[in-house]
């Protein structure tokens, strides 16, 4: 029973912090998280390191569908988190404005009111053409991006300029391991 209570409290806090981060959402909006995708330097097994490993320890991306009074908002937003190289602890993250795109590809903008604080592109990559479930996600940060820019009480984190234009391939992971 205590474990269930702890989980519900954590879920409630997560939903509250998510709703606060995206400043254009109605206050009563609650997120329905989708599949989590993660890139972790420690998971790299190849001889040639991914270029992103020079800048980050971890990158997480998770689609969010928000609901108001149990009715889904039509737009998809993506929560993106980046833990910079040689940093530890909580993964700084933020939620995009509504993304545009077709199928499994999204173009997203990070905004605080009318000010653009970042842009990125994400495309889900299925492992087999016949399998509609995506196991990988291609992420490309297209413009200088700042996380935590809209969040009260959090220090804004600038994403390294060297990540702009780099392709980062994230692997599908358990939702509970996202942004940890």
N, C-alpha and C. Protein backbone atom coordinates (compact mmCIF):
# COMPACT_ATOMS: atom_id res chain seq x y z
N UNK A 1 0.81 -1.20 0.00
CA UNK A 1 0.00 0.00 0.00
C UNK A 1 0.85 1.27 0.00
N UNK A 2 1.91 1.37 0.86
CA UNK A 2 2.73 2.58 0.82
C UNK A 2 3.37 2.79 -0.54
N UNK A 3 3.76 1.71 -1.22
CA UNK A 3 4.38 1.84 -2.53
C UNK A 3 3.37 2.43 -3.53
N UNK A 4 2.13 1.98 -3.49
CA UNK A 4 1.09 2.48 -4.39
C UNK A 4 0.85 3.97 -4.12
N UNK A 5 0.81 4.35 -2.84
CA UNK A 5 0.60 5.75 -2.48
C UNK A 5 1.76 6.60 -2.99
N UNK A 6 2.99 6.11 -2.81
CA UNK A 6 4.16 6.84 -3.29
C UNK A 6 4.09 7.03 -4.80
N UNK A 7 3.71 5.98 -5.53
CA UNK A 7 3.60 6.09 -6.99
C UNK A 7 2.57 7.12 -7.39
N UNK A 8 1.41 7.12 -6.71
CA UNK A 8 0.38 8.09 -7.10
C UNK A 8 0.80 9.51 -6.77
N UNK A 9 1.52 9.70 -5.67
CA UNK A 9 2.01 11.04 -5.33
C UNK A 9 3.02 11.50 -6.37
N UNK A 10 3.94 10.59 -6.77
CA UNK A 10 4.93 10.95 -7.79
C UNK A 10 4.25 11.26 -9.12
N UNK A 11 3.26 10.47 -9.49
CA UNK A 11 2.54 10.72 -10.75
C UNK A 11 1.85 12.08 -10.70
N UNK A 12 1.25 12.41 -9.56
CA UNK A 12 0.58 13.70 -9.41
C UNK A 12 1.57 14.85 -9.52
N UNK A 13 2.73 14.71 -8.88
CA UNK A 13 3.74 15.76 -8.96
C UNK A 13 4.25 15.92 -10.38
N UNK A 14 4.44 14.79 -11.07
CA UNK A 14 4.91 14.83 -12.45
C UNK A 14 3.91 15.56 -13.33
N UNK A 15 2.63 15.24 -13.18
CA UNK A 15 1.60 15.89 -13.99
C UNK A 15 1.55 17.38 -13.70
N UNK A 16 1.69 17.76 -12.44
CA UNK A 16 1.67 19.17 -12.08
C UNK A 16 2.86 19.89 -12.69
N UNK A 17 4.06 19.30 -12.59
CA UNK A 17 5.25 19.97 -13.12
C UNK A 17 5.20 20.03 -14.64
N UNK A 18 4.61 19.02 -15.30
CA UNK A 18 4.49 19.05 -16.75
C UNK A 18 3.56 20.17 -17.19
N UNK A 19 2.45 20.32 -16.51
CA UNK A 19 1.48 21.34 -16.89
C UNK A 19 2.04 22.74 -16.69
N UNK A 20 2.87 22.92 -15.69
CA UNK A 20 3.45 24.23 -15.44
C UNK A 20 4.50 24.58 -16.50
N UNK A 21 5.26 23.58 -16.97
CA UNK A 21 6.35 23.84 -17.91
C UNK A 21 5.84 24.38 -19.25
N UNK A 22 4.73 23.89 -19.74
CA UNK A 22 4.19 24.37 -21.01
C UNK A 22 3.22 25.51 -20.72
N UNK A 23 3.69 26.74 -20.91
CA UNK A 23 2.92 27.90 -20.44
C UNK A 23 1.66 28.20 -21.24
N UNK A 24 1.44 27.58 -22.39
CA UNK A 24 0.25 27.87 -23.16
C UNK A 24 -0.87 26.85 -22.94
N UNK A 25 -0.67 25.92 -22.03
CA UNK A 25 -1.68 24.91 -21.73
C UNK A 25 -2.66 25.41 -20.68
N UNK A 26 -3.91 24.99 -20.76
CA UNK A 26 -4.84 25.31 -19.69
C UNK A 26 -4.36 24.69 -18.38
N UNK A 27 -4.57 25.36 -17.26
CA UNK A 27 -4.08 24.88 -15.96
C UNK A 27 -4.60 23.49 -15.62
N UNK A 28 -5.82 23.14 -16.06
CA UNK A 28 -6.39 21.85 -15.70
C UNK A 28 -5.98 20.73 -16.66
N UNK A 29 -5.10 21.00 -17.62
CA UNK A 29 -4.66 19.98 -18.59
C UNK A 29 -3.79 18.94 -17.90
N UNK A 30 -4.05 17.67 -18.21
CA UNK A 30 -3.25 16.57 -17.66
C UNK A 30 -2.63 15.80 -18.82
N UNK A 31 -1.36 15.39 -18.67
CA UNK A 31 -0.68 14.70 -19.76
C UNK A 31 -0.93 13.20 -19.76
N UNK A 32 -0.97 12.64 -20.96
CA UNK A 32 -0.96 11.19 -21.14
C UNK A 32 0.34 10.89 -21.88
N UNK A 33 1.38 10.46 -21.14
CA UNK A 33 2.67 10.21 -21.77
C UNK A 33 2.64 9.02 -22.72
N UNK A 34 3.40 9.12 -23.79
CA UNK A 34 3.55 8.02 -24.74
C UNK A 34 4.84 7.28 -24.48
N UNK A 35 5.30 6.55 -25.47
CA UNK A 35 6.53 5.78 -25.38
C UNK A 35 7.70 6.71 -25.08
N UNK A 36 8.58 6.29 -24.22
CA UNK A 36 9.77 7.08 -23.91
C UNK A 36 10.91 6.62 -24.81
N UNK A 37 11.68 7.58 -25.30
CA UNK A 37 12.85 7.29 -26.10
C UNK A 37 14.05 7.92 -25.40
N UNK A 38 15.17 7.19 -25.36
CA UNK A 38 16.33 7.67 -24.62
C UNK A 38 17.63 7.36 -25.34
N UNK A 39 18.55 8.29 -25.27
CA UNK A 39 19.94 8.10 -25.72
C UNK A 39 20.80 8.28 -24.49
N UNK A 40 21.61 7.27 -24.19
CA UNK A 40 22.50 7.34 -23.04
C UNK A 40 23.90 6.98 -23.50
N UNK A 41 24.87 7.81 -23.18
CA UNK A 41 26.25 7.55 -23.58
C UNK A 41 26.72 6.20 -23.05
N UNK A 42 26.33 5.84 -21.84
CA UNK A 42 26.77 4.57 -21.25
C UNK A 42 26.26 3.36 -22.02
N UNK A 43 25.22 3.52 -22.86
CA UNK A 43 24.70 2.42 -23.67
C UNK A 43 25.45 2.23 -24.97
N UNK A 44 26.36 3.12 -25.30
CA UNK A 44 27.12 3.04 -26.54
C UNK A 44 28.03 1.82 -26.50
N UNK A 45 27.95 0.99 -27.54
CA UNK A 45 28.76 -0.23 -27.57
C UNK A 45 29.71 -0.27 -28.76
N UNK A 46 29.49 0.57 -29.76
CA UNK A 46 30.32 0.55 -30.96
C UNK A 46 31.71 1.13 -30.73
N UNK A 47 32.61 0.83 -31.65
CA UNK A 47 33.97 1.35 -31.58
C UNK A 47 33.95 2.86 -31.81
N UNK A 48 33.08 3.29 -32.73
CA UNK A 48 32.98 4.71 -33.06
C UNK A 48 31.87 5.34 -32.21
N UNK A 49 32.22 6.31 -31.41
CA UNK A 49 31.25 6.97 -30.54
C UNK A 49 30.35 7.89 -31.36
N UNK A 50 29.11 8.00 -30.94
CA UNK A 50 28.16 8.93 -31.54
C UNK A 50 28.67 10.34 -31.29
N UNK A 51 28.60 11.26 -32.27
CA UNK A 51 29.08 12.63 -32.05
C UNK A 51 28.38 13.35 -30.88
N UNK A 52 27.16 12.97 -30.57
CA UNK A 52 26.44 13.60 -29.46
C UNK A 52 27.10 13.31 -28.12
N UNK A 53 27.86 12.22 -28.03
CA UNK A 53 28.49 11.85 -26.76
C UNK A 53 29.52 12.88 -26.29
N UNK A 54 29.98 13.74 -27.18
CA UNK A 54 30.92 14.79 -26.79
C UNK A 54 30.22 15.90 -26.00
N UNK A 55 28.87 15.96 -26.07
CA UNK A 55 28.13 17.06 -25.46
C UNK A 55 27.18 16.64 -24.35
N UNK A 56 26.69 15.40 -24.40
CA UNK A 56 25.63 14.99 -23.46
C UNK A 56 25.92 13.63 -22.84
N UNK A 57 25.32 13.41 -21.67
CA UNK A 57 25.30 12.09 -21.05
C UNK A 57 24.02 11.35 -21.41
N UNK A 58 22.94 12.13 -21.58
CA UNK A 58 21.63 11.51 -21.79
C UNK A 58 20.70 12.49 -22.51
N UNK A 59 19.84 11.93 -23.36
CA UNK A 59 18.78 12.69 -24.02
C UNK A 59 17.51 11.84 -23.94
N UNK A 60 16.42 12.41 -23.47
CA UNK A 60 15.13 11.71 -23.40
C UNK A 60 14.09 12.52 -24.17
N UNK A 61 13.21 11.82 -24.87
CA UNK A 61 12.10 12.45 -25.58
C UNK A 61 10.86 11.59 -25.35
N UNK A 62 9.74 12.24 -25.05
CA UNK A 62 8.50 11.51 -24.83
C UNK A 62 7.32 12.31 -25.38
N UNK A 63 6.53 11.69 -26.28
CA UNK A 63 5.32 12.36 -26.76
C UNK A 63 4.30 12.50 -25.63
N UNK A 64 3.58 13.60 -25.62
CA UNK A 64 2.54 13.84 -24.63
C UNK A 64 1.26 14.26 -25.34
N UNK A 65 0.17 13.65 -24.95
CA UNK A 65 -1.15 14.06 -25.41
C UNK A 65 -1.85 14.61 -24.17
N UNK A 66 -2.23 15.86 -24.20
CA UNK A 66 -2.88 16.47 -23.03
C UNK A 66 -4.39 16.34 -23.13
N UNK A 67 -5.02 16.21 -21.96
CA UNK A 67 -6.48 16.12 -21.88
C UNK A 67 -6.99 17.21 -20.94
N UNK A 68 -8.15 17.74 -21.28
CA UNK A 68 -8.86 18.68 -20.42
C UNK A 68 -10.26 18.09 -20.24
N UNK A 69 -10.61 17.83 -18.98
CA UNK A 69 -11.89 17.20 -18.65
C UNK A 69 -12.09 15.91 -19.44
N UNK A 70 -11.06 15.08 -19.48
CA UNK A 70 -11.04 13.78 -20.17
C UNK A 70 -11.21 13.86 -21.68
N UNK A 71 -11.09 15.05 -22.27
CA UNK A 71 -11.15 15.19 -23.72
C UNK A 71 -9.75 15.55 -24.21
N UNK A 72 -9.18 14.73 -25.11
CA UNK A 72 -7.82 15.01 -25.59
C UNK A 72 -7.75 16.27 -26.44
N UNK A 73 -6.70 17.04 -26.20
CA UNK A 73 -6.41 18.18 -27.08
C UNK A 73 -5.87 17.57 -28.38
N UNK A 74 -6.16 18.14 -29.53
CA UNK A 74 -5.79 17.49 -30.79
C UNK A 74 -4.28 17.47 -31.08
N UNK A 75 -3.52 18.32 -30.43
CA UNK A 75 -2.10 18.41 -30.75
C UNK A 75 -1.26 17.46 -29.91
N UNK A 76 -0.13 17.06 -30.50
CA UNK A 76 0.88 16.31 -29.77
C UNK A 76 2.00 17.27 -29.42
N UNK A 77 2.50 17.15 -28.22
CA UNK A 77 3.66 17.91 -27.78
C UNK A 77 4.73 16.90 -27.40
N UNK A 78 5.98 17.31 -27.45
CA UNK A 78 7.06 16.43 -27.05
C UNK A 78 7.78 17.03 -25.85
N UNK A 79 8.02 16.20 -24.87
CA UNK A 79 8.85 16.59 -23.73
C UNK A 79 10.26 16.15 -24.08
N UNK A 80 11.20 17.07 -24.00
CA UNK A 80 12.59 16.78 -24.32
C UNK A 80 13.45 17.10 -23.11
N UNK A 81 14.36 16.21 -22.81
CA UNK A 81 15.27 16.41 -21.68
C UNK A 81 16.69 16.11 -22.10
N UNK A 82 17.63 16.93 -21.64
CA UNK A 82 19.03 16.75 -22.01
C UNK A 82 19.88 16.95 -20.76
N UNK A 83 20.66 15.90 -20.44
CA UNK A 83 21.62 15.97 -19.34
C UNK A 83 22.99 16.19 -19.97
N UNK A 84 23.57 17.35 -19.72
CA UNK A 84 24.85 17.71 -20.35
C UNK A 84 25.99 16.83 -19.87
N UNK A 85 27.03 16.78 -20.66
CA UNK A 85 28.24 16.01 -20.35
C UNK A 85 28.76 16.39 -18.96
N UNK A 86 29.18 15.40 -18.20
CA UNK A 86 29.75 15.56 -16.86
C UNK A 86 28.77 16.12 -15.84
N UNK A 87 27.47 16.05 -16.11
CA UNK A 87 26.47 16.43 -15.12
C UNK A 87 25.73 15.19 -14.67
N UNK A 88 25.18 15.26 -13.47
CA UNK A 88 24.45 14.14 -12.90
C UNK A 88 23.18 14.68 -12.27
N UNK A 89 22.27 13.77 -11.92
CA UNK A 89 21.04 14.18 -11.25
C UNK A 89 19.88 14.24 -12.20
N UNK A 90 18.91 15.08 -11.86
CA UNK A 90 17.69 15.22 -12.63
C UNK A 90 17.99 15.72 -14.04
N UNK A 91 17.29 15.15 -15.02
CA UNK A 91 17.46 15.55 -16.41
C UNK A 91 16.63 16.81 -16.66
N UNK A 92 17.28 17.97 -16.94
CA UNK A 92 16.52 19.18 -17.25
C UNK A 92 15.65 18.93 -18.48
N UNK A 93 14.38 19.34 -18.41
CA UNK A 93 13.48 19.07 -19.53
C UNK A 93 12.47 20.20 -19.68
N UNK A 94 11.81 20.19 -20.82
CA UNK A 94 10.76 21.16 -21.10
C UNK A 94 9.81 20.53 -22.11
N UNK A 95 8.66 21.15 -22.27
CA UNK A 95 7.63 20.65 -23.18
C UNK A 95 7.49 21.62 -24.34
N UNK A 96 7.42 21.05 -25.53
CA UNK A 96 7.27 21.89 -26.72
C UNK A 96 5.86 22.47 -26.82
N UNK A 97 5.74 23.47 -27.66
CA UNK A 97 4.43 23.94 -28.09
C UNK A 97 3.85 22.82 -28.97
N UNK A 98 2.60 22.91 -29.39
CA UNK A 98 2.06 21.86 -30.27
C UNK A 98 2.95 21.66 -31.49
N UNK A 99 3.27 20.39 -31.77
CA UNK A 99 4.13 20.06 -32.90
C UNK A 99 3.28 19.92 -34.17
N UNK A 100 3.93 20.08 -35.30
CA UNK A 100 3.27 19.87 -36.59
C UNK A 100 4.00 18.75 -37.30
N UNK A 101 3.29 18.06 -38.17
CA UNK A 101 3.91 16.99 -38.92
C UNK A 101 2.89 15.97 -39.35
N UNK A 102 3.38 14.95 -40.03
CA UNK A 102 2.52 13.88 -40.51
C UNK A 102 3.10 12.54 -40.09
N UNK A 103 2.21 11.59 -39.86
CA UNK A 103 2.63 10.24 -39.52
C UNK A 103 3.48 10.22 -38.26
N UNK A 104 4.70 9.76 -38.41
CA UNK A 104 5.59 9.61 -37.27
C UNK A 104 6.66 10.69 -37.20
N UNK A 105 6.52 11.76 -38.00
CA UNK A 105 7.52 12.83 -38.01
C UNK A 105 6.91 14.12 -37.45
N UNK A 106 7.66 14.78 -36.57
CA UNK A 106 7.18 16.00 -35.92
C UNK A 106 8.22 17.11 -36.02
N UNK A 107 7.75 18.33 -36.25
CA UNK A 107 8.57 19.53 -36.15
C UNK A 107 8.04 20.29 -34.94
N UNK A 108 8.91 20.57 -33.99
CA UNK A 108 8.48 21.16 -32.72
C UNK A 108 9.23 22.44 -32.42
N UNK A 109 8.53 23.34 -31.73
CA UNK A 109 9.11 24.60 -31.31
C UNK A 109 8.95 24.72 -29.81
N UNK A 110 9.99 25.20 -29.15
CA UNK A 110 9.93 25.49 -27.72
C UNK A 110 9.63 26.98 -27.62
N UNK A 111 8.57 27.32 -26.84
CA UNK A 111 8.18 28.72 -26.71
C UNK A 111 7.91 29.08 -25.26
N UNK A 112 8.18 30.34 -24.95
CA UNK A 112 7.73 30.98 -23.71
C UNK A 112 6.92 32.17 -24.17
N UNK A 113 5.61 32.07 -24.01
CA UNK A 113 4.68 33.08 -24.54
C UNK A 113 4.94 33.17 -26.05
N UNK A 114 5.36 34.32 -26.55
CA UNK A 114 5.62 34.46 -27.99
C UNK A 114 7.09 34.32 -28.35
N UNK A 115 7.93 34.10 -27.36
CA UNK A 115 9.38 34.01 -27.60
C UNK A 115 9.78 32.56 -27.89
N UNK A 116 10.41 32.33 -29.05
CA UNK A 116 10.90 31.00 -29.42
C UNK A 116 12.22 30.77 -28.71
N UNK A 117 12.32 29.65 -27.97
CA UNK A 117 13.55 29.33 -27.23
C UNK A 117 14.17 28.02 -27.71
N UNK A 118 13.70 27.51 -28.85
CA UNK A 118 14.29 26.31 -29.42
C UNK A 118 13.42 25.67 -30.48
N UNK A 119 14.07 24.87 -31.34
CA UNK A 119 13.38 24.12 -32.38
C UNK A 119 14.07 22.78 -32.55
N UNK A 120 13.24 21.75 -32.76
CA UNK A 120 13.80 20.44 -33.04
C UNK A 120 12.85 19.63 -33.90
N UNK A 121 13.40 18.58 -34.47
CA UNK A 121 12.66 17.66 -35.33
C UNK A 121 12.81 16.26 -34.76
N UNK A 122 11.73 15.48 -34.76
CA UNK A 122 11.79 14.11 -34.27
C UNK A 122 11.01 13.21 -35.21
N UNK A 123 11.59 12.06 -35.52
CA UNK A 123 10.93 11.10 -36.39
C UNK A 123 11.05 9.71 -35.79
N UNK A 124 9.92 9.07 -35.55
CA UNK A 124 9.91 7.71 -35.03
C UNK A 124 10.33 6.76 -36.15
N UNK A 125 11.17 5.80 -35.79
CA UNK A 125 11.69 4.85 -36.77
C UNK A 125 11.26 3.43 -36.39
N UNK A 126 10.33 2.82 -37.13
CA UNK A 126 9.96 1.44 -36.81
C UNK A 126 11.10 0.50 -37.17
N UNK A 127 11.19 -0.62 -36.45
CA UNK A 127 12.28 -1.56 -36.73
C UNK A 127 12.02 -2.36 -37.99
N UNK A 128 10.76 -2.61 -38.29
CA UNK A 128 10.39 -3.34 -39.50
C UNK A 128 9.30 -2.55 -40.21
N UNK A 129 9.31 -2.52 -41.52
CA UNK A 129 8.26 -1.78 -42.24
C UNK A 129 6.85 -2.23 -41.87
N UNK A 130 6.68 -3.51 -41.53
CA UNK A 130 5.33 -4.01 -41.21
C UNK A 130 4.94 -3.75 -39.75
N UNK A 131 5.89 -3.29 -38.94
CA UNK A 131 5.62 -3.07 -37.51
C UNK A 131 5.32 -1.60 -37.26
N UNK A 132 4.07 -1.24 -36.89
CA UNK A 132 3.73 0.16 -36.70
C UNK A 132 4.32 0.75 -35.41
N UNK A 133 4.76 -0.09 -34.48
CA UNK A 133 5.32 0.41 -33.22
C UNK A 133 6.77 0.83 -33.46
N UNK A 134 7.08 2.03 -33.09
CA UNK A 134 8.44 2.55 -33.28
C UNK A 134 9.31 2.13 -32.11
N UNK A 135 10.52 1.69 -32.41
CA UNK A 135 11.47 1.34 -31.37
C UNK A 135 12.61 2.34 -31.27
N UNK A 136 12.72 3.22 -32.26
CA UNK A 136 13.78 4.21 -32.28
C UNK A 136 13.21 5.57 -32.69
N UNK A 137 13.92 6.61 -32.31
CA UNK A 137 13.51 7.96 -32.66
C UNK A 137 14.75 8.74 -33.11
N UNK A 138 14.64 9.42 -34.25
CA UNK A 138 15.72 10.29 -34.73
C UNK A 138 15.39 11.70 -34.26
N UNK A 139 16.32 12.33 -33.56
CA UNK A 139 16.14 13.68 -33.06
C UNK A 139 17.20 14.58 -33.67
N UNK A 140 16.77 15.73 -34.17
CA UNK A 140 17.71 16.73 -34.67
C UNK A 140 17.30 18.07 -34.09
N UNK A 141 18.19 18.67 -33.31
CA UNK A 141 17.96 20.00 -32.76
C UNK A 141 18.33 20.98 -33.87
N UNK A 142 17.38 21.83 -34.25
CA UNK A 142 17.56 22.68 -35.43
C UNK A 142 18.00 24.10 -35.14
N UNK A 143 17.86 24.55 -33.91
CA UNK A 143 18.20 25.93 -33.57
C UNK A 143 18.66 25.96 -32.11
N UNK A 144 19.37 27.00 -31.71
CA UNK A 144 19.75 27.11 -30.30
C UNK A 144 18.52 26.89 -29.42
N UNK A 145 18.69 26.08 -28.38
CA UNK A 145 17.56 25.68 -27.54
C UNK A 145 17.91 25.86 -26.07
N UNK A 146 16.93 26.34 -25.30
CA UNK A 146 17.09 26.52 -23.86
C UNK A 146 15.99 25.72 -23.17
N UNK A 147 16.38 24.86 -22.23
CA UNK A 147 15.42 24.10 -21.44
C UNK A 147 15.18 24.82 -20.12
N UNK A 148 14.04 24.60 -19.52
CA UNK A 148 13.64 25.24 -18.25
C UNK A 148 13.45 26.75 -18.40
N UNK A 149 13.37 27.25 -19.59
CA UNK A 149 13.22 28.69 -19.81
C UNK A 149 11.89 29.19 -19.26
N UNK A 150 10.84 28.39 -19.39
CA UNK A 150 9.50 28.84 -18.98
C UNK A 150 9.14 28.38 -17.57
N UNK A 151 9.93 27.51 -16.99
CA UNK A 151 9.60 26.92 -15.69
C UNK A 151 10.01 27.82 -14.55
N UNK A 152 9.06 28.11 -13.67
CA UNK A 152 9.35 28.93 -12.49
C UNK A 152 10.25 28.17 -11.54
N UNK A 153 11.23 28.86 -10.99
CA UNK A 153 12.08 28.28 -9.96
C UNK A 153 13.15 27.34 -10.49
N UNK A 154 13.26 27.17 -11.80
CA UNK A 154 14.28 26.29 -12.37
C UNK A 154 15.28 27.11 -13.17
N UNK A 155 16.53 26.70 -13.09
CA UNK A 155 17.60 27.39 -13.80
C UNK A 155 17.56 27.02 -15.29
N UNK A 156 17.49 28.01 -16.19
CA UNK A 156 17.53 27.71 -17.63
C UNK A 156 18.85 27.06 -18.02
N UNK A 157 18.77 26.06 -18.89
CA UNK A 157 19.94 25.32 -19.36
C UNK A 157 20.03 25.46 -20.87
N UNK A 158 21.12 26.02 -21.36
CA UNK A 158 21.33 26.14 -22.80
C UNK A 158 21.89 24.83 -23.35
N UNK A 159 21.27 24.33 -24.41
CA UNK A 159 21.75 23.13 -25.07
C UNK A 159 23.00 23.53 -25.85
N UNK A 160 24.09 22.75 -25.77
CA UNK A 160 25.32 23.12 -26.47
C UNK A 160 25.09 23.33 -27.97
N UNK A 161 25.66 24.40 -28.49
CA UNK A 161 25.51 24.73 -29.92
C UNK A 161 26.01 23.60 -30.81
N UNK A 162 26.98 22.81 -30.34
CA UNK A 162 27.52 21.70 -31.11
C UNK A 162 26.51 20.60 -31.40
N UNK A 163 25.41 20.56 -30.64
CA UNK A 163 24.36 19.57 -30.89
C UNK A 163 23.44 19.97 -32.05
N UNK A 164 23.43 21.26 -32.39
CA UNK A 164 22.56 21.76 -33.46
C UNK A 164 22.94 21.08 -34.78
N UNK A 165 21.96 20.44 -35.38
CA UNK A 165 22.17 19.77 -36.66
C UNK A 165 22.63 18.33 -36.56
N UNK A 166 23.04 17.87 -35.39
CA UNK A 166 23.47 16.48 -35.23
C UNK A 166 22.27 15.56 -35.16
N UNK A 167 22.39 14.40 -35.76
CA UNK A 167 21.35 13.37 -35.66
C UNK A 167 21.63 12.54 -34.41
N UNK A 168 20.64 12.42 -33.54
CA UNK A 168 20.77 11.61 -32.33
C UNK A 168 19.71 10.52 -32.43
N UNK A 169 20.11 9.27 -32.33
CA UNK A 169 19.17 8.16 -32.39
C UNK A 169 18.89 7.68 -30.97
N UNK A 170 17.61 7.75 -30.59
CA UNK A 170 17.17 7.35 -29.26
C UNK A 170 16.44 6.02 -29.37
N UNK A 171 16.58 5.19 -28.35
CA UNK A 171 15.95 3.87 -28.32
C UNK A 171 14.76 3.89 -27.38
N UNK A 172 13.69 3.17 -27.74
CA UNK A 172 12.53 3.06 -26.88
C UNK A 172 12.89 2.38 -25.55
N UNK A 173 12.43 2.96 -24.45
CA UNK A 173 12.70 2.42 -23.11
C UNK A 173 11.41 2.43 -22.30
N UNK A 174 11.45 1.80 -21.16
CA UNK A 174 10.30 1.81 -20.24
C UNK A 174 9.97 3.24 -19.83
N UNK A 175 8.71 3.62 -19.85
CA UNK A 175 8.34 4.99 -19.49
C UNK A 175 8.84 5.40 -18.09
N UNK A 176 8.92 4.48 -17.15
CA UNK A 176 9.35 4.84 -15.80
C UNK A 176 10.83 5.22 -15.74
N UNK A 177 11.62 4.85 -16.76
CA UNK A 177 13.04 5.20 -16.74
C UNK A 177 13.33 6.53 -17.45
N UNK A 178 12.28 7.16 -17.98
CA UNK A 178 12.44 8.42 -18.70
C UNK A 178 12.68 9.58 -17.71
N UNK A 179 13.56 10.47 -18.06
CA UNK A 179 13.84 11.70 -17.29
C UNK A 179 14.31 11.40 -15.87
N UNK A 180 15.04 10.33 -15.68
CA UNK A 180 15.56 9.95 -14.36
C UNK A 180 17.02 10.32 -14.26
